[in-house]
């Protein structure tokens, strides 16, 4: 009986651990297409595989819509006519390359960069 309680407790904690998002630190270029400008930018992405969502911190989550054999994960907003936020993107699980499209109040921006797994510092 004691062994069963230990096994069930371990399973419960392993499922809780899996539900935690994976954080990625990404560095790259943010291009503002309306104004023709580009700047270096760092962004944080939270990937929740259980919920099948990707969140660029500061924006609403978007849904994972595809997974390719080469490790590329596609994601997109599910609401048509997104006013502001992430509209679509792709992230390669192996190389860390990311391409994300954003819609802001006055323009459309694209981020192209590389991501690495990040751990909270404290």
PDB file of N, CA and C in Angstrom:
ATOM      1  N   UNK A   1       0.823  -1.197   0.000  1.00  0.00           N
ATOM      2  CA  UNK A   1       0.000   0.000   0.000  1.00  0.00           C
ATOM      3  C   UNK A   1       0.864   1.256   0.000  1.00  0.00           C
ATOM      4  N   UNK A   2       1.906   1.245   0.824  1.00  0.00           N
ATOM      5  CA  UNK A   2       2.799   2.395   0.908  1.00  0.00           C
ATOM      6  C   UNK A   2       3.485   2.623  -0.444  1.00  0.00           C
ATOM      7  N   UNK A   3       3.850   1.539  -1.095  1.00  0.00           N
ATOM      8  CA  UNK A   3       4.504   1.625  -2.405  1.00  0.00           C
ATOM      9  C   UNK A   3       3.554   2.260  -3.437  1.00  0.00           C
ATOM     10  N   UNK A   4       2.265   1.908  -3.385  1.00  0.00           N
ATOM     11  CA  UNK A   4       1.274   2.455  -4.298  1.00  0.00           C
ATOM     12  C   UNK A   4       1.120   3.963  -4.104  1.00  0.00           C
ATOM     13  N   UNK A   5       1.108   4.411  -2.856  1.00  0.00           N
ATOM     14  CA  UNK A   5       0.996   5.839  -2.561  1.00  0.00           C
ATOM     15  C   UNK A   5       2.209   6.584  -3.113  1.00  0.00           C
ATOM     16  N   UNK A   6       3.385   6.027  -2.960  1.00  0.00           N
ATOM     17  CA  UNK A   6       4.606   6.659  -3.469  1.00  0.00           C
ATOM     18  C   UNK A   6       4.558   6.747  -4.996  1.00  0.00           C
ATOM     19  N   UNK A   7       4.122   5.689  -5.654  1.00  0.00           N
ATOM     20  CA  UNK A   7       4.040   5.680  -7.123  1.00  0.00           C
ATOM     21  C   UNK A   7       3.023   6.701  -7.604  1.00  0.00           C
ATOM     22  N   UNK A   8       1.847   6.750  -6.968  1.00  0.00           N
ATOM     23  CA  UNK A   8       0.825   7.712  -7.375  1.00  0.00           C
ATOM     24  C   UNK A   8       1.289   9.151  -7.142  1.00  0.00           C
ATOM     25  N   UNK A   9       1.983   9.406  -6.058  1.00  0.00           N
ATOM     26  CA  UNK A   9       2.511  10.741  -5.776  1.00  0.00           C
ATOM     27  C   UNK A   9       3.538  11.131  -6.834  1.00  0.00           C
ATOM     28  N   UNK A  10       4.418  10.205  -7.180  1.00  0.00           N
ATOM     29  CA  UNK A  10       5.428  10.486  -8.205  1.00  0.00           C
ATOM     30  C   UNK A  10       4.778  10.784  -9.553  1.00  0.00           C
ATOM     31  N   UNK A  11       3.756  10.033  -9.909  1.00  0.00           N
ATOM     32  CA  UNK A  11       3.050  10.278 -11.173  1.00  0.00           C
ATOM     33  C   UNK A  11       2.369  11.639 -11.170  1.00  0.00           C
ATOM     34  N   UNK A  12       1.765  11.997 -10.067  1.00  0.00           N
ATOM     35  CA  UNK A  12       1.081  13.289  -9.979  1.00  0.00           C
ATOM     36  C   UNK A  12       2.071  14.430 -10.152  1.00  0.00           C
ATOM     37  N   UNK A  13       3.223  14.339  -9.492  1.00  0.00           N
ATOM     38  CA  UNK A  13       4.216  15.400  -9.618  1.00  0.00           C
ATOM     39  C   UNK A  13       4.847  15.432 -10.996  1.00  0.00           C
ATOM     40  N   UNK A  14       5.021  14.290 -11.643  1.00  0.00           N
ATOM     41  CA  UNK A  14       5.597  14.293 -12.984  1.00  0.00           C
ATOM     42  C   UNK A  14       4.635  14.926 -13.977  1.00  0.00           C
ATOM     43  N   UNK A  15       3.321  14.750 -13.787  1.00  0.00           N
ATOM     44  CA  UNK A  15       2.344  15.374 -14.674  1.00  0.00           C
ATOM     45  C   UNK A  15       2.303  16.873 -14.458  1.00  0.00           C
ATOM     46  N   UNK A  16       2.459  17.333 -13.218  1.00  0.00           N
ATOM     47  CA  UNK A  16       2.490  18.757 -12.930  1.00  0.00           C
ATOM     48  C   UNK A  16       3.723  19.376 -13.575  1.00  0.00           C
ATOM     49  N   UNK A  17       4.854  18.675 -13.484  1.00  0.00           N
ATOM     50  CA  UNK A  17       6.084  19.197 -14.066  1.00  0.00           C
ATOM     51  C   UNK A  17       5.971  19.323 -15.578  1.00  0.00           C
ATOM     52  N   UNK A  18       5.272  18.402 -16.230  1.00  0.00           N
ATOM     53  CA  UNK A  18       5.126  18.453 -17.671  1.00  0.00           C
ATOM     54  C   UNK A  18       4.242  19.617 -18.107  1.00  0.00           C
ATOM     55  N   UNK A  19       3.351  20.061 -17.244  1.00  0.00           N
ATOM     56  CA  UNK A  19       2.432  21.127 -17.606  1.00  0.00           C
ATOM     57  C   UNK A  19       3.107  22.499 -17.586  1.00  0.00           C
ATOM     58  N   UNK A  20       4.296  22.592 -17.002  1.00  0.00           N
ATOM     59  CA  UNK A  20       5.000  23.866 -16.943  1.00  0.00           C
ATOM     60  C   UNK A  20       5.481  24.268 -18.325  1.00  0.00           C
ATOM     61  N   UNK A  21       5.388  25.554 -18.656  1.00  0.00           N
ATOM     62  CA  UNK A  21       5.871  25.987 -19.970  1.00  0.00           C
ATOM     63  C   UNK A  21       7.391  25.920 -20.050  1.00  0.00           C
ATOM     64  N   UNK A  22       7.881  25.793 -21.262  1.00  0.00           N
ATOM     65  CA  UNK A  22       9.308  25.829 -21.547  1.00  0.00           C
ATOM     66  C   UNK A  22       9.596  27.241 -22.034  1.00  0.00           C
ATOM     67  N   UNK A  23      10.552  27.909 -21.398  1.00  0.00           N
ATOM     68  CA  UNK A  23      10.879  29.279 -21.770  1.00  0.00           C
ATOM     69  C   UNK A  23      12.055  29.305 -22.726  1.00  0.00           C
ATOM     70  N   UNK A  24      11.946  30.150 -23.746  1.00  0.00           N
ATOM     71  CA  UNK A  24      13.008  30.337 -24.723  1.00  0.00           C
ATOM     72  C   UNK A  24      13.383  31.811 -24.770  1.00  0.00           C
ATOM     73  N   UNK A  25      14.689  32.066 -24.789  1.00  0.00           N
ATOM     74  CA  UNK A  25      15.200  33.423 -24.975  1.00  0.00           C
ATOM     75  C   UNK A  25      15.638  33.537 -26.426  1.00  0.00           C
ATOM     76  N   UNK A  26      15.094  34.527 -27.126  1.00  0.00           N
ATOM     77  CA  UNK A  26      15.346  34.663 -28.565  1.00  0.00           C
ATOM     78  C   UNK A  26      15.960  36.025 -28.870  1.00  0.00           C
ATOM     79  N   UNK A  27      16.953  36.022 -29.740  1.00  0.00           N
ATOM     80  CA  UNK A  27      17.591  37.248 -30.200  1.00  0.00           C
ATOM     81  C   UNK A  27      17.529  37.288 -31.712  1.00  0.00           C
ATOM     82  N   UNK A  28      17.242  38.476 -32.250  1.00  0.00           N
ATOM     83  CA  UNK A  28      17.166  38.591 -33.696  1.00  0.00           C
ATOM     84  C   UNK A  28      16.818  39.986 -34.134  1.00  0.00           C
ATOM     85  N   UNK A  29      16.258  40.078 -35.320  1.00  0.00           N
ATOM     86  CA  UNK A  29      15.897  41.360 -35.913  1.00  0.00           C
ATOM     87  C   UNK A  29      14.383  41.507 -35.985  1.00  0.00           C
ATOM     88  N   UNK A  30      13.893  42.669 -35.561  1.00  0.00           N
ATOM     89  CA  UNK A  30      12.487  43.010 -35.686  1.00  0.00           C
ATOM     90  C   UNK A  30      12.374  44.024 -36.817  1.00  0.00           C
ATOM     91  N   UNK A  31      11.666  43.642 -37.860  1.00  0.00           N
ATOM     92  CA  UNK A  31      11.503  44.500 -39.032  1.00  0.00           C
ATOM     93  C   UNK A  31      10.101  45.099 -39.005  1.00  0.00           C
ATOM     94  N   UNK A  32      10.034  46.418 -39.115  1.00  0.00           N
ATOM     95  CA  UNK A  32       8.765  47.141 -39.207  1.00  0.00           C
ATOM     96  C   UNK A  32       8.541  47.429 -40.683  1.00  0.00           C
ATOM     97  N   UNK A  33       7.626  46.693 -41.284  1.00  0.00           N
ATOM     98  CA  UNK A  33       7.417  46.795 -42.727  1.00  0.00           C
ATOM     99  C   UNK A  33       6.793  48.122 -43.154  1.00  0.00           C
ATOM    100  N   UNK A  34       5.938  48.691 -42.339  1.00  0.00           N
ATOM    101  CA  UNK A  34       5.267  49.943 -42.694  1.00  0.00           C
ATOM    102  C   UNK A  34       6.246  51.118 -42.709  1.00  0.00           C
ATOM    103  N   UNK A  35       7.221  51.081 -41.795  1.00  0.00           N
ATOM    104  CA  UNK A  35       8.157  52.202 -41.684  1.00  0.00           C
ATOM    105  C   UNK A  35       9.521  51.894 -42.298  1.00  0.00           C
ATOM    106  N   UNK A  36       9.709  50.663 -42.761  1.00  0.00           N
ATOM    107  CA  UNK A  36      10.972  50.287 -43.393  1.00  0.00           C
ATOM    108  C   UNK A  36      12.161  50.315 -42.448  1.00  0.00           C
ATOM    109  N   UNK A  37      11.944  49.968 -41.188  1.00  0.00           N
ATOM    110  CA  UNK A  37      13.037  49.982 -40.213  1.00  0.00           C
ATOM    111  C   UNK A  37      13.290  48.576 -39.677  1.00  0.00           C
ATOM    112  N   UNK A  38      14.477  48.394 -39.123  1.00  0.00           N
ATOM    113  CA  UNK A  38      14.857  47.125 -38.519  1.00  0.00           C
ATOM    114  C   UNK A  38      15.717  47.412 -37.297  1.00  0.00           C
ATOM    115  N   UNK A  39      15.497  46.633 -36.225  1.00  0.00           N
ATOM    116  CA  UNK A  39      16.305  46.800 -35.024  1.00  0.00           C
ATOM    117  C   UNK A  39      16.523  45.455 -34.354  1.00  0.00           C
ATOM    118  N   UNK A  40      17.652  45.339 -33.638  1.00  0.00           N
ATOM    119  CA  UNK A  40      17.923  44.135 -32.865  1.00  0.00           C
ATOM    120  C   UNK A  40      16.925  44.071 -31.719  1.00  0.00           C
ATOM    121  N   UNK A  41      16.424  42.872 -31.445  1.00  0.00           N
ATOM    122  CA  UNK A  41      15.418  42.720 -30.404  1.00  0.00           C
ATOM    123  C   UNK A  41      15.614  41.384 -29.700  1.00  0.00           C
ATOM    124  N   UNK A  42      15.333  41.353 -28.418  1.00  0.00           N
ATOM    125  CA  UNK A  42      15.310  40.120 -27.635  1.00  0.00           C
ATOM    126  C   UNK A  42      13.875  39.897 -27.186  1.00  0.00           C
ATOM    127  N   UNK A  43      13.381  38.678 -27.348  1.00  0.00           N
ATOM    128  CA  UNK A  43      12.027  38.349 -26.907  1.00  0.00           C
ATOM    129  C   UNK A  43      12.066  37.046 -26.113  1.00  0.00           C
ATOM    130  N   UNK A  44      11.051  36.834 -25.317  1.00  0.00           N
ATOM    131  CA  UNK A  44      10.901  35.600 -24.542  1.00  0.00           C
ATOM    132  C   UNK A  44       9.660  34.881 -25.048  1.00  0.00           C
ATOM    133  N   UNK A  45       9.801  33.586 -25.272  1.00  0.00           N
ATOM    134  CA  UNK A  45       8.684  32.756 -25.729  1.00  0.00           C
ATOM    135  C   UNK A  45       8.439  31.671 -24.689  1.00  0.00           C
ATOM    136  N   UNK A  46       7.172  31.438 -24.355  1.00  0.00           N
ATOM    137  CA  UNK A  46       6.782  30.335 -23.475  1.00  0.00           C
ATOM    138  C   UNK A  46       6.035  29.306 -24.326  1.00  0.00           C
ATOM    139  N   UNK A  47       6.549  28.076 -24.342  1.00  0.00           N
ATOM    140  CA  UNK A  47       5.934  26.996 -25.106  1.00  0.00           C
ATOM    141  C   UNK A  47       5.249  26.054 -24.120  1.00  0.00           C
ATOM    142  N   UNK A  48       3.946  25.841 -24.303  1.00  0.00           N
ATOM    143  CA  UNK A  48       3.199  24.916 -23.467  1.00  0.00           C
ATOM    144  C   UNK A  48       2.730  23.775 -24.370  1.00  0.00           C
ATOM    145  N   UNK A  49       3.474  22.677 -24.342  1.00  0.00           N
ATOM    146  CA  UNK A  49       3.170  21.560 -25.236  1.00  0.00           C
ATOM    147  C   UNK A  49       1.865  20.868 -24.858  1.00  0.00           C
ATOM    148  N   UNK A  50       1.554  20.837 -23.574  1.00  0.00           N
ATOM    149  CA  UNK A  50       0.314  20.186 -23.141  1.00  0.00           C
ATOM    150  C   UNK A  50      -0.904  20.958 -23.641  1.00  0.00           C
ATOM    151  N   UNK A  51      -0.861  22.282 -23.532  1.00  0.00           N
ATOM    152  CA  UNK A  51      -1.973  23.113 -23.994  1.00  0.00           C
ATOM    153  C   UNK A  51      -1.879  23.403 -25.495  1.00  0.00           C
ATOM    154  N   UNK A  52      -0.758  23.053 -26.100  1.00  0.00           N
ATOM    155  CA  UNK A  52      -0.486  23.304 -27.520  1.00  0.00           C
ATOM    156  C   UNK A  52      -0.581  24.787 -27.855  1.00  0.00           C
ATOM    157  N   UNK A  53       0.090  25.598 -26.993  1.00  0.00           N
ATOM    158  CA  UNK A  53       0.121  27.037 -27.213  1.00  0.00           C
ATOM    159  C   UNK A  53       1.555  27.555 -27.151  1.00  0.00           C
ATOM    160  N   UNK A  54       1.740  28.689 -27.801  1.00  0.00           N
ATOM    161  CA  UNK A  54       2.993  29.426 -27.748  1.00  0.00           C
ATOM    162  C   UNK A  54       2.637  30.855 -27.397  1.00  0.00           C
ATOM    163  N   UNK A  55       3.360  31.405 -26.429  1.00  0.00           N
ATOM    164  CA  UNK A  55       3.097  32.773 -25.998  1.00  0.00           C
ATOM    165  C   UNK A  55       4.378  33.579 -26.111  1.00  0.00           C
ATOM    166  N   UNK A  56       4.338  34.632 -26.913  1.00  0.00           N
ATOM    167  CA  UNK A  56       5.403  35.621 -26.887  1.00  0.00           C
ATOM    168  C   UNK A  56       5.022  36.538 -25.739  1.00  0.00           C
ATOM    169  N   UNK A  57       5.890  36.614 -24.719  1.00  0.00           N
ATOM    170  CA  UNK A  57       5.511  37.348 -23.516  1.00  0.00           C
ATOM    171  C   UNK A  57       5.153  38.791 -23.857  1.00  0.00           C
ATOM    172  N   UNK A  58       4.030  39.219 -23.327  1.00  0.00           N
ATOM    173  CA  UNK A  58       3.488  40.529 -23.615  1.00  0.00           C
ATOM    174  C   UNK A  58       2.310  40.475 -24.580  1.00  0.00           C
ATOM    175  N   UNK A  59       2.079  39.303 -25.157  1.00  0.00           N
ATOM    176  CA  UNK A  59       0.980  39.122 -26.117  1.00  0.00           C
ATOM    177  C   UNK A  59       0.132  37.926 -25.699  1.00  0.00           C
ATOM    178  N   UNK A  60      -1.042  37.807 -26.288  1.00  0.00           N
ATOM    179  CA  UNK A  60      -1.911  36.672 -26.010  1.00  0.00           C
ATOM    180  C   UNK A  60      -1.335  35.394 -26.614  1.00  0.00           C
ATOM    181  N   UNK A  61      -1.630  34.235 -26.007  1.00  0.00           N
ATOM    182  CA  UNK A  61      -1.155  32.962 -26.561  1.00  0.00           C
ATOM    183  C   UNK A  61      -1.764  32.681 -27.935  1.00  0.00           C
ATOM    184  N   UNK A  62      -1.009  31.932 -28.732  1.00  0.00           N
ATOM    185  CA  UNK A  62      -1.499  31.458 -30.028  1.00  0.00           C
ATOM    186  C   UNK A  62      -1.382  29.940 -30.044  1.00  0.00           C
ATOM    187  N   UNK A  63      -2.111  29.312 -30.936  1.00  0.00           N
ATOM    188  CA  UNK A  63      -2.230  27.859 -30.967  1.00  0.00           C
ATOM    189  C   UNK A  63      -1.210  27.235 -31.914  1.00  0.00           C
ATOM    190  N   UNK A  64      -0.635  26.114 -31.493  1.00  0.00           N
ATOM    191  CA  UNK A  64       0.226  25.332 -32.379  1.00  0.00           C
ATOM    192  C   UNK A  64      -0.686  24.667 -33.403  1.00  0.00           C
ATOM    193  N   UNK A  65      -0.445  24.951 -34.693  1.00  0.00           N
ATOM    194  CA  UNK A  65      -1.330  24.443 -35.742  1.00  0.00           C
ATOM    195  C   UNK A  65      -0.685  23.357 -36.589  1.00  0.00           C
ATOM    196  N   UNK A  66       0.649  23.224 -36.523  1.00  0.00           N
ATOM    197  CA  UNK A  66       1.308  22.189 -37.326  1.00  0.00           C
ATOM    198  C   UNK A  66       2.657  21.818 -36.730  1.00  0.00           C
ATOM    199  N   UNK A  67       3.071  20.591 -37.026  1.00  0.00           N
ATOM    200  CA  UNK A  67       4.385  20.109 -36.626  1.00  0.00           C
ATOM    201  C   UNK A  67       4.947  19.306 -37.792  1.00  0.00           C
ATOM    202  N   UNK A  68       6.080  19.743 -38.329  1.00  0.00           N
ATOM    203  CA  UNK A  68       6.684  19.089 -39.486  1.00  0.00           C
ATOM    204  C   UNK A  68       7.764  18.102 -39.049  1.00  0.00           C
ATOM    205  N   UNK A  69       8.118  17.198 -39.934  1.00  0.00           N
ATOM    206  CA  UNK A  69       9.141  16.190 -39.639  1.00  0.00           C
ATOM    207  C   UNK A  69      10.517  16.790 -39.388  1.00  0.00           C
ATOM    208  N   UNK A  70      10.778  17.985 -39.913  1.00  0.00           N
ATOM    209  CA  UNK A  70      12.086  18.613 -39.713  1.00  0.00           C
ATOM    210  C   UNK A  70      12.189  19.333 -38.374  1.00  0.00           C
ATOM    211  N   UNK A  71      11.147  19.257 -37.543  1.00  0.00           N
ATOM    212  CA  UNK A  71      11.167  19.881 -36.227  1.00  0.00           C
ATOM    213  C   UNK A  71      10.523  21.255 -36.186  1.00  0.00           C
ATOM    214  N   UNK A  72       9.994  21.722 -37.300  1.00  0.00           N
ATOM    215  CA  UNK A  72       9.374  23.039 -37.339  1.00  0.00           C
ATOM    216  C   UNK A  72       7.941  22.972 -36.805  1.00  0.00           C
ATOM    217  N   UNK A  73       7.653  23.865 -35.873  1.00  0.00           N
ATOM    218  CA  UNK A  73       6.330  23.980 -35.281  1.00  0.00           C
ATOM    219  C   UNK A  73       5.708  25.267 -35.799  1.00  0.00           C
ATOM    220  N   UNK A  74       4.521  25.164 -36.390  1.00  0.00           N
ATOM    221  CA  UNK A  74       3.804  26.342 -36.870  1.00  0.00           C
ATOM    222  C   UNK A  74       2.753  26.750 -35.865  1.00  0.00           C
ATOM    223  N   UNK A  75       2.549  28.054 -35.715  1.00  0.00           N
ATOM    224  CA  UNK A  75       1.531  28.541 -34.783  1.00  0.00           C
ATOM    225  C   UNK A  75       0.847  29.762 -35.375  1.00  0.00           C
ATOM    226  N   UNK A  76      -0.383  29.999 -34.923  1.00  0.00           N
ATOM    227  CA  UNK A  76      -1.160  31.114 -35.463  1.00  0.00           C
ATOM    228  C   UNK A  76      -2.268  31.514 -34.499  1.00  0.00           C
ATOM    229  N   UNK A  77      -2.698  32.757 -34.648  1.00  0.00           N
ATOM    230  CA  UNK A  77      -3.855  33.239 -33.890  1.00  0.00           C
ATOM    231  C   UNK A  77      -5.093  32.533 -34.423  1.00  0.00           C
ATOM    232  N   UNK A  78      -5.986  32.181 -33.539  1.00  0.00           N
ATOM    233  CA  UNK A  78      -7.195  31.483 -33.959  1.00  0.00           C
ATOM    234  C   UNK A  78      -8.320  32.449 -34.309  1.00  0.00           C
ATOM    235  N   UNK A  79      -8.227  33.673 -33.820  1.00  0.00           N
ATOM    236  CA  UNK A  79      -9.254  34.674 -34.109  1.00  0.00           C
ATOM    237  C   UNK A  79      -8.923  35.395 -35.404  1.00  0.00           C
ATOM    238  N   UNK A  80      -9.892  35.502 -36.266  1.00  0.00           N
ATOM    239  CA  UNK A  80      -9.718  36.252 -37.513  1.00  0.00           C
ATOM    240  C   UNK A  80      -9.659  37.743 -37.202  1.00  0.00           C
ATOM    241  N   UNK A  81      -8.859  38.459 -37.955  1.00  0.00           N
ATOM    242  CA  UNK A  81      -8.789  39.906 -37.794  1.00  0.00           C
ATOM    243  C   UNK A  81      -8.168  40.339 -36.490  1.00  0.00           C
ATOM    244  N   UNK A  82      -7.080  39.682 -36.089  1.00  0.00           N
ATOM    245  CA  UNK A  82      -6.394  40.058 -34.856  1.00  0.00           C
ATOM    246  C   UNK A  82      -6.032  41.535 -34.930  1.00  0.00           C
ATOM    247  N   UNK A  83      -6.398  42.291 -33.899  1.00  0.00           N
ATOM    248  CA  UNK A  83      -6.136  43.726 -33.886  1.00  0.00           C
ATOM    249  C   UNK A  83      -4.664  43.987 -33.592  1.00  0.00           C
ATOM    250  N   UNK A  84      -4.150  43.413 -32.523  1.00  0.00           N
ATOM    251  CA  UNK A  84      -2.731  43.520 -32.195  1.00  0.00           C
ATOM    252  C   UNK A  84      -2.260  42.190 -31.635  1.00  0.00           C
ATOM    253  N   UNK A  85      -1.008  41.885 -31.880  1.00  0.00           N
ATOM    254  CA  UNK A  85      -0.418  40.680 -31.320  1.00  0.00           C
ATOM    255  C   UNK A  85       0.195  39.787 -32.370  1.00  0.00           C
ATOM    256  N   UNK A  86       0.505  38.564 -31.954  1.00  0.00           N
ATOM    257  CA  UNK A  86       1.106  37.572 -32.842  1.00  0.00           C
ATOM    258  C   UNK A  86       0.036  37.076 -33.806  1.00  0.00           C
ATOM    259  N   UNK A  87       0.337  37.108 -35.091  1.00  0.00           N
ATOM    260  CA  UNK A  87      -0.610  36.596 -36.075  1.00  0.00           C
ATOM    261  C   UNK A  87      -0.241  35.180 -36.501  1.00  0.00           C
ATOM    262  N   UNK A  88       1.064  34.916 -36.686  1.00  0.00           N
ATOM    263  CA  UNK A  88       1.518  33.590 -37.108  1.00  0.00           C
ATOM    264  C   UNK A  88       3.023  33.507 -36.933  1.00  0.00           C
ATOM    265  N   UNK A  89       3.523  32.277 -37.008  1.00  0.00           N
ATOM    266  CA  UNK A  89       4.969  32.111 -36.921  1.00  0.00           C
ATOM    267  C   UNK A  89       5.370  30.661 -37.005  1.00  0.00           C
ATOM    268  N   UNK A  90       6.686  30.459 -36.962  1.00  0.00           N
ATOM    269  CA  UNK A  90       7.223  29.109 -36.928  1.00  0.00           C
ATOM    270  C   UNK A  90       8.482  29.109 -36.077  1.00  0.00           C
ATOM    271  N   UNK A  91       8.707  27.970 -35.442  1.00  0.00           N
ATOM    272  CA  UNK A  91       9.836  27.792 -34.543  1.00  0.00           C
ATOM    273  C   UNK A  91      10.374  26.385 -34.758  1.00  0.00           C
ATOM    274  N   UNK A  92      11.667  26.268 -34.998  1.00  0.00           N
ATOM    275  CA  UNK A  92      12.256  24.953 -35.199  1.00  0.00           C
ATOM    276  C   UNK A  92      12.778  24.428 -33.873  1.00  0.00           C
ATOM    277  N   UNK A  93      12.283  23.272 -33.453  1.00  0.00           N
ATOM    278  CA  UNK A  93      12.656  22.669 -32.166  1.00  0.00           C
ATOM    279  C   UNK A  93      14.129  22.293 -32.097  1.00  0.00           C
ATOM    280  N   UNK A  94      14.745  22.025 -33.233  1.00  0.00           N
ATOM    281  CA  UNK A  94      16.126  21.538 -33.257  1.00  0.00           C
ATOM    282  C   UNK A  94      17.123  22.685 -33.394  1.00  0.00           C
ATOM    283  N   UNK A  95      16.911  23.556 -34.374  1.00  0.00           N
ATOM    284  CA  UNK A  95      17.858  24.644 -34.630  1.00  0.00           C
ATOM    285  C   UNK A  95      17.590  25.877 -33.783  1.00  0.00           C
ATOM    286  N   UNK A  96      16.349  26.043 -33.322  1.00  0.00           N
ATOM    287  CA  UNK A  96      15.979  27.220 -32.556  1.00  0.00           C
ATOM    288  C   UNK A  96      15.623  28.420 -33.409  1.00  0.00           C
ATOM    289  N   UNK A  97      15.660  28.275 -34.733  1.00  0.00           N
ATOM    290  CA  UNK A  97      15.316  29.392 -35.605  1.00  0.00           C
ATOM    291  C   UNK A  97      13.836  29.727 -35.483  1.00  0.00           C
ATOM    292  N   UNK A  98      13.554  31.022 -35.393  1.00  0.00           N
ATOM    293  CA  UNK A  98      12.174  31.476 -35.218  1.00  0.00           C
ATOM    294  C   UNK A  98      11.865  32.587 -36.201  1.00  0.00           C
ATOM    295  N   UNK A  99      10.643  32.573 -36.695  1.00  0.00           N
ATOM    296  CA  UNK A  99      10.116  33.634 -37.554  1.00  0.00           C
ATOM    297  C   UNK A  99       8.693  33.903 -37.088  1.00  0.00           C
ATOM    298  N   UNK A 100       8.435  35.136 -36.641  1.00  0.00           N
ATOM    299  CA  UNK A 100       7.142  35.461 -36.037  1.00  0.00           C
ATOM    300  C   UNK A 100       6.621  36.761 -36.627  1.00  0.00           C
ATOM    301  N   UNK A 101       5.348  36.763 -37.015  1.00  0.00           N
ATOM    302  CA  UNK A 101       4.698  37.957 -37.543  1.00  0.00           C
ATOM    303  C   UNK A 101       3.796  38.567 -36.469  1.00  0.00           C
ATOM    304  N   UNK A 102       3.882  39.891 -36.331  1.00  0.00           N
ATOM    305  CA  UNK A 102       3.097  40.635 -35.360  1.00  0.00           C
ATOM    306  C   UNK A 102       2.292  41.702 -36.078  1.00  0.00           C
ATOM    307  N   UNK A 103       1.120  41.980 -35.552  1.00  0.00           N
ATOM    308  CA  UNK A 103       0.326  43.108 -36.034  1.00  0.00           C
ATOM    309  C   UNK A 103       0.228  44.091 -34.877  1.00  0.00           C
ATOM    310  N   UNK A 104       0.633  45.335 -35.127  1.00  0.00           N
ATOM    311  CA  UNK A 104       0.513  46.383 -34.117  1.00  0.00           C
ATOM    312  C   UNK A 104      -0.569  47.348 -34.567  1.00  0.00           C
ATOM    313  N   UNK A 105      -0.798  48.384 -33.779  1.00  0.00           N
ATOM    314  CA  UNK A 105      -1.850  49.351 -34.126  1.00  0.00           C
ATOM    315  C   UNK A 105      -1.626  50.016 -35.472  1.00  0.00           C
ATOM    316  N   UNK A 106      -0.353  50.258 -35.816  1.00  0.00           N
ATOM    317  CA  UNK A 106      -0.094  51.019 -37.035  1.00  0.00           C
ATOM    318  C   UNK A 106       0.812  50.328 -38.046  1.00  0.00           C
ATOM    319  N   UNK A 107       1.186  49.068 -37.807  1.00  0.00           N
ATOM    320  CA  UNK A 107       2.069  48.408 -38.769  1.00  0.00           C
ATOM    321  C   UNK A 107       2.051  46.891 -38.600  1.00  0.00           C
ATOM    322  N   UNK A 108       2.804  46.252 -39.475  1.00  0.00           N
ATOM    323  CA  UNK A 108       3.043  44.813 -39.391  1.00  0.00           C
ATOM    324  C   UNK A 108       4.540  44.637 -39.200  1.00  0.00           C
ATOM    325  N   UNK A 109       4.913  43.828 -38.211  1.00  0.00           N
ATOM    326  CA  UNK A 109       6.322  43.593 -37.909  1.00  0.00           C
ATOM    327  C   UNK A 109       6.627  42.112 -38.003  1.00  0.00           C
ATOM    328  N   UNK A 110       7.886  41.807 -38.307  1.00  0.00           N
ATOM    329  CA  UNK A 110       8.350  40.418 -38.355  1.00  0.00           C
ATOM    330  C   UNK A 110       9.611  40.281 -37.532  1.00  0.00           C
ATOM    331  N   UNK A 111       9.662  39.222 -36.733  1.00  0.00           N
ATOM    332  CA  UNK A 111      10.865  38.895 -35.972  1.00  0.00           C
ATOM    333  C   UNK A 111      11.502  37.678 -36.609  1.00  0.00           C
ATOM    334  N   UNK A 112      12.780  37.764 -36.894  1.00  0.00           N
ATOM    335  CA  UNK A 112      13.561  36.620 -37.364  1.00  0.00           C
ATOM    336  C   UNK A 112      14.774  36.505 -36.474  1.00  0.00           C
ATOM    337  N   UNK A 113      14.921  35.329 -35.843  1.00  0.00           N
ATOM    338  CA  UNK A 113      16.043  35.176 -34.937  1.00  0.00           C
ATOM    339  C   UNK A 113      16.253  33.743 -34.520  1.00  0.00           C
ATOM    340  N   UNK A 114      17.022  33.599 -33.466  1.00  0.00           N
ATOM    341  CA  UNK A 114      17.403  32.287 -32.938  1.00  0.00           C
ATOM    342  C   UNK A 114      17.077  32.227 -31.456  1.00  0.00           C
ATOM    343  N   UNK A 115      16.561  31.079 -31.028  1.00  0.00           N
ATOM    344  CA  UNK A 115      16.129  30.909 -29.640  1.00  0.00           C
ATOM    345  C   UNK A 115      16.934  29.805 -28.953  1.00  0.00           C
ATOM    346  N   UNK A 116      17.119  29.986 -27.655  1.00  0.00           N
ATOM    347  CA  UNK A 116      17.759  28.985 -26.797  1.00  0.00           C
ATOM    348  C   UNK A 116      16.893  28.805 -25.565  1.00  0.00           C
ATOM    349  N   UNK A 117      16.948  27.602 -25.018  1.00  0.00           N
ATOM    350  CA  UNK A 117      16.187  27.334 -23.794  1.00  0.00           C
ATOM    351  C   UNK A 117      16.694  28.246 -22.682  1.00  0.00           C
ATOM    352  N   UNK A 118      15.771  28.800 -21.943  1.00  0.00           N
ATOM    353  CA  UNK A 118      16.113  29.730 -20.864  1.00  0.00           C
ATOM    354  C   UNK A 118      15.568  29.211 -19.540  1.00  0.00           C
ATOM    355  N   UNK A 119      16.300  29.434 -18.507  1.00  0.00           N
ATOM    356  CA  UNK A 119      15.870  29.089 -17.156  1.00  0.00           C
ATOM    357  C   UNK A 119      15.701  30.379 -16.373  1.00  0.00           C
ATOM    358  N   UNK A 120      14.738  30.419 -15.493  1.00  0.00           N
ATOM    359  CA  UNK A 120      14.555  31.599 -14.650  1.00  0.00           C
ATOM    360  C   UNK A 120      15.784  31.749 -13.767  1.00  0.00           C
ATOM    361  N   UNK A 121      16.271  32.983 -13.628  1.00  0.00           N
ATOM    362  CA  UNK A 121      17.466  33.246 -12.829  1.00  0.00           C
ATOM    363  C   UNK A 121      17.177  33.206 -11.332  1.00  0.00           C
ATOM    364  N   UNK A 122      15.976  33.570 -10.938  1.00  0.00           N
ATOM    365  CA  UNK A 122      15.597  33.514  -9.519  1.00  0.00           C
ATOM    366  C   UNK A 122      14.110  33.436  -9.385  1.00  0.00           C
TER     367      UNK A 122
END
